[in-house]
Amino acid sequence: MSARCVVIIDTSILCVWLKVPGLETCGPDANRWNFSRVSREIDAAIQCGHTLVLPLATLIESGNHIAHAPHQRVETARRLTELIGKSADQETPWAAFTDQSELWAPDNLKRLASDWPDMAARKLGIGDATIWDVARYYDKMGCEVELLAGDAGLAGYQPSPRPPSPRRRSRRS
């Protein structure tokens, strides 16, 4: 049996996918993401049966970008709230937010508070640090993790691919 595959969507990718005015592309010139590319990646993940994960930081940051967009705030906010509802209801292919709840437990928040200043020195924001925590959480659960990120710094924290599981040989009697 293969491991469950999850695709974690970061803020920049979600903003492109939602068509947030002013944030229609992300990533460096050599790895530019636009709506078409993001849609293809997400559609392919859905077709493969992968689970899509919206970290809370992604929702909060995207919501802030939408609220400060120059226009189409209500329409874009409705697209985001539709995804929030699907995640809350665990509607396939969306993961439930409760899957991430232990990341907000006191011990984990204290670890974040301890670790984040060094991450900030490497220009990793606290939102990105929590998105990385979501990736590590699913990785530790044995899932194959893809971090869909337009930010090269965050994408660099992609968990390493798992080696294939050895196949058992059947014993013939």
Protein backbone atom coordinates (compact mmCIF):
# COMPACT_ATOMS: atom_id res chain seq x y z
CA MET A 1 0.00 0.00 0.00
CA SER A 2 1.40 3.41 -0.89
CA ALA A 3 1.54 6.33 1.51
CA ARG A 4 -1.15 8.97 1.39
CA CYS A 5 0.02 11.98 -0.60
CA VAL A 6 -0.75 15.47 0.62
CA VAL A 7 -0.22 18.73 -1.22
CA ILE A 8 0.29 21.68 1.10
CA ILE A 9 -0.65 24.99 -0.49
CA ASP A 10 1.24 28.08 0.59
CA THR A 11 -0.03 31.65 0.58
CA SER A 12 1.52 32.80 -2.69
CA ILE A 13 0.11 29.83 -4.62
CA LEU A 14 -3.34 30.21 -3.05
CA CYS A 15 -3.40 33.92 -3.90
CA VAL A 16 -2.57 33.13 -7.52
CA TRP A 17 -5.22 30.38 -7.64
CA LEU A 18 -7.86 32.69 -6.12
CA LYS A 19 -6.82 35.46 -8.53
CA VAL A 20 -6.20 37.99 -5.76
CA PRO A 21 -5.80 41.35 -7.54
CA GLY A 22 -2.14 42.32 -7.62
CA LEU A 23 -1.01 38.79 -6.71
CA GLU A 24 -1.79 36.97 -9.97
CA THR A 25 1.75 35.56 -10.24
CA CYS A 26 4.43 34.46 -7.81
CA GLY A 27 7.90 33.00 -7.76
CA PRO A 28 11.18 34.08 -9.31
CA ASP A 29 11.41 34.70 -13.07
CA ALA A 30 12.99 31.29 -13.64
CA ASN A 31 10.12 29.56 -11.81
CA ARG A 32 7.09 31.83 -12.34
CA TRP A 33 3.67 30.61 -11.23
CA ASN A 34 0.50 31.96 -12.88
CA PHE A 35 -3.14 30.89 -12.62
CA SER A 36 -2.83 28.39 -15.47
CA ARG A 37 0.20 26.64 -13.94
CA VAL A 38 -1.29 26.58 -10.44
CA SER A 39 -4.59 25.22 -11.74
CA ARG A 40 -2.82 22.47 -13.70
CA GLU A 41 -0.84 21.42 -10.62
CA ILE A 42 -3.88 21.37 -8.35
CA ASP A 43 -6.04 19.59 -10.94
CA ALA A 44 -3.31 16.97 -11.41
CA ALA A 45 -3.09 16.45 -7.65
CA ILE A 46 -6.85 15.99 -7.44
CA GLN A 47 -6.85 13.55 -10.38
CA CYS A 48 -4.15 11.50 -8.60
CA GLY A 49 -6.29 11.33 -5.46
CA HIS A 50 -4.00 13.52 -3.36
CA THR A 51 -5.29 15.38 -0.32
CA LEU A 52 -5.07 19.19 -0.44
CA VAL A 53 -4.04 20.95 2.75
CA LEU A 54 -4.63 24.60 3.60
CA PRO A 55 -2.47 25.55 6.59
CA LEU A 56 -4.04 28.11 8.91
CA ALA A 57 -1.22 30.55 8.14
CA THR A 58 -2.06 30.29 4.44
CA LEU A 59 -5.69 31.18 5.16
CA ILE A 60 -4.84 34.08 7.45
CA GLU A 61 -2.21 35.55 5.15
CA SER A 62 -4.38 35.08 2.03
CA GLY A 63 -7.33 36.66 3.81
CA ASN A 64 -5.19 39.67 4.68
CA HIS A 65 -4.05 40.02 1.06
CA ILE A 66 -7.68 39.82 -0.12
CA ALA A 67 -8.83 42.44 2.40
CA HIS A 68 -6.15 44.84 1.12
CA ALA A 69 -6.60 44.13 -2.59
CA PRO A 70 -7.33 47.16 -4.78
CA HIS A 71 -10.63 45.68 -6.02
CA GLN A 72 -12.75 42.49 -6.15
CA ARG A 73 -12.38 41.91 -2.41
CA VAL A 74 -15.87 40.45 -1.89
CA GLU A 75 -15.73 38.09 -4.89
CA THR A 76 -12.26 36.88 -3.97
CA ALA A 77 -13.19 36.52 -0.30
CA ARG A 78 -16.13 34.32 -1.32
CA ARG A 79 -13.78 32.04 -3.27
CA LEU A 80 -11.59 31.70 -0.19
CA THR A 81 -14.51 31.06 2.16
CA GLU A 82 -15.75 28.34 -0.18
CA LEU A 83 -12.42 26.53 0.28
CA ILE A 84 -12.59 27.07 4.04
CA GLY A 85 -16.03 25.45 4.10
CA LYS A 86 -14.83 22.48 2.06
CA SER A 87 -11.89 21.99 4.40
CA ALA A 88 -14.09 22.33 7.48
CA ASP A 89 -16.41 19.67 6.05
CA GLN A 90 -13.47 17.46 4.95
CA GLU A 91 -14.93 17.52 1.47
CA THR A 92 -12.68 15.51 -0.85
CA PRO A 93 -9.92 16.40 -1.71
CA TRP A 94 -9.55 18.82 1.23
CA ALA A 95 -8.01 17.86 4.59
CA ALA A 96 -9.77 18.90 7.75
CA PHE A 97 -8.26 21.69 9.81
CA THR A 98 -8.47 19.44 12.85
CA ASP A 99 -5.66 17.39 11.31
CA GLN A 100 -3.36 20.32 12.15
CA SER A 101 -4.75 21.14 15.60
CA GLU A 102 -1.90 19.57 17.56
CA LEU A 103 0.50 22.03 15.91
CA TRP A 104 -1.17 24.79 17.96
CA ALA A 105 -0.78 22.97 21.31
CA PRO A 106 1.24 24.85 23.96
CA ASP A 107 4.38 22.70 23.59
CA ASN A 108 4.45 23.20 19.84
CA LEU A 109 3.88 26.94 20.17
CA LYS A 110 6.76 27.12 22.66
CA ARG A 111 8.98 25.21 20.21
CA LEU A 112 7.97 27.66 17.46
CA ALA A 113 8.79 30.58 19.75
CA SER A 114 12.18 29.05 20.48
CA ASP A 115 13.05 28.09 16.89
CA TRP A 116 11.64 30.99 14.92
CA PRO A 117 14.18 33.75 15.70
CA ASP A 118 16.89 31.71 13.95
CA MET A 119 14.52 31.13 11.04
CA ALA A 120 13.82 34.85 10.88
CA ALA A 121 17.55 35.44 10.59
CA ARG A 122 17.38 33.26 7.43
CA LYS A 123 14.42 35.37 6.21
CA LEU A 124 11.76 32.71 6.88
CA GLY A 125 8.60 34.41 8.16
CA ILE A 126 6.60 33.00 11.05
CA GLY A 127 3.72 32.13 8.70
CA ASP A 128 6.11 30.16 6.50
CA ALA A 129 7.60 28.50 9.59
CA THR A 130 4.15 27.23 10.56
CA ILE A 131 3.50 26.06 6.98
CA TRP A 132 6.77 24.16 7.18
CA ASP A 133 5.55 22.66 10.47
CA VAL A 134 2.44 21.42 8.66
CA ALA A 135 4.68 19.76 6.04
CA ARG A 136 6.79 18.10 8.77
CA TYR A 137 3.64 16.99 10.60
CA TYR A 138 2.30 15.12 7.56
CA ASP A 139 5.77 13.77 6.77
CA LYS A 140 6.03 12.30 10.28
CA MET A 141 2.59 10.72 9.77
CA GLY A 142 4.10 8.78 6.87
CA CYS A 143 2.53 10.82 4.09
CA GLU A 144 4.24 11.75 0.87
CA VAL A 145 4.37 15.55 1.09
CA GLU A 146 4.47 18.09 -1.71
CA LEU A 147 4.85 21.70 -0.66
CA LEU A 148 3.29 23.81 -3.40
CA ALA A 149 5.09 27.11 -2.85
CA GLY A 150 5.98 30.02 -5.07
CA ASP A 151 8.48 31.22 -2.48
CA ALA A 152 11.85 29.58 -3.17
CA GLY A 153 12.79 29.96 0.51
CA LEU A 154 9.78 27.99 1.71
CA ALA A 155 9.97 25.49 -1.15
CA GLY A 156 13.50 24.73 0.04
CA TYR A 157 12.00 23.21 3.18
CA GLN A 158 10.25 20.49 1.16
CA PRO A 159 10.48 17.20 3.11
CA SER A 160 12.75 14.64 1.45
CA PRO A 161 10.98 12.02 -0.64
CA ARG A 162 10.52 8.70 1.09
CA PRO A 163 12.38 5.70 -0.26
CA PRO A 164 10.07 3.11 -1.77
CA SER A 165 8.87 0.50 0.70
CA PRO A 166 10.43 -2.91 0.14
CA ARG A 167 8.00 -5.40 -1.33
CA ARG A 168 7.38 -8.60 0.52
CA ARG A 169 8.01 -11.76 -1.34
CA SER A 170 5.13 -14.12 -1.32
CA ARG A 171 5.87 -17.51 0.10
CA ARG A 172 4.75 -20.38 -2.04
CA SER A 173 3.82 -23.58 -0.32
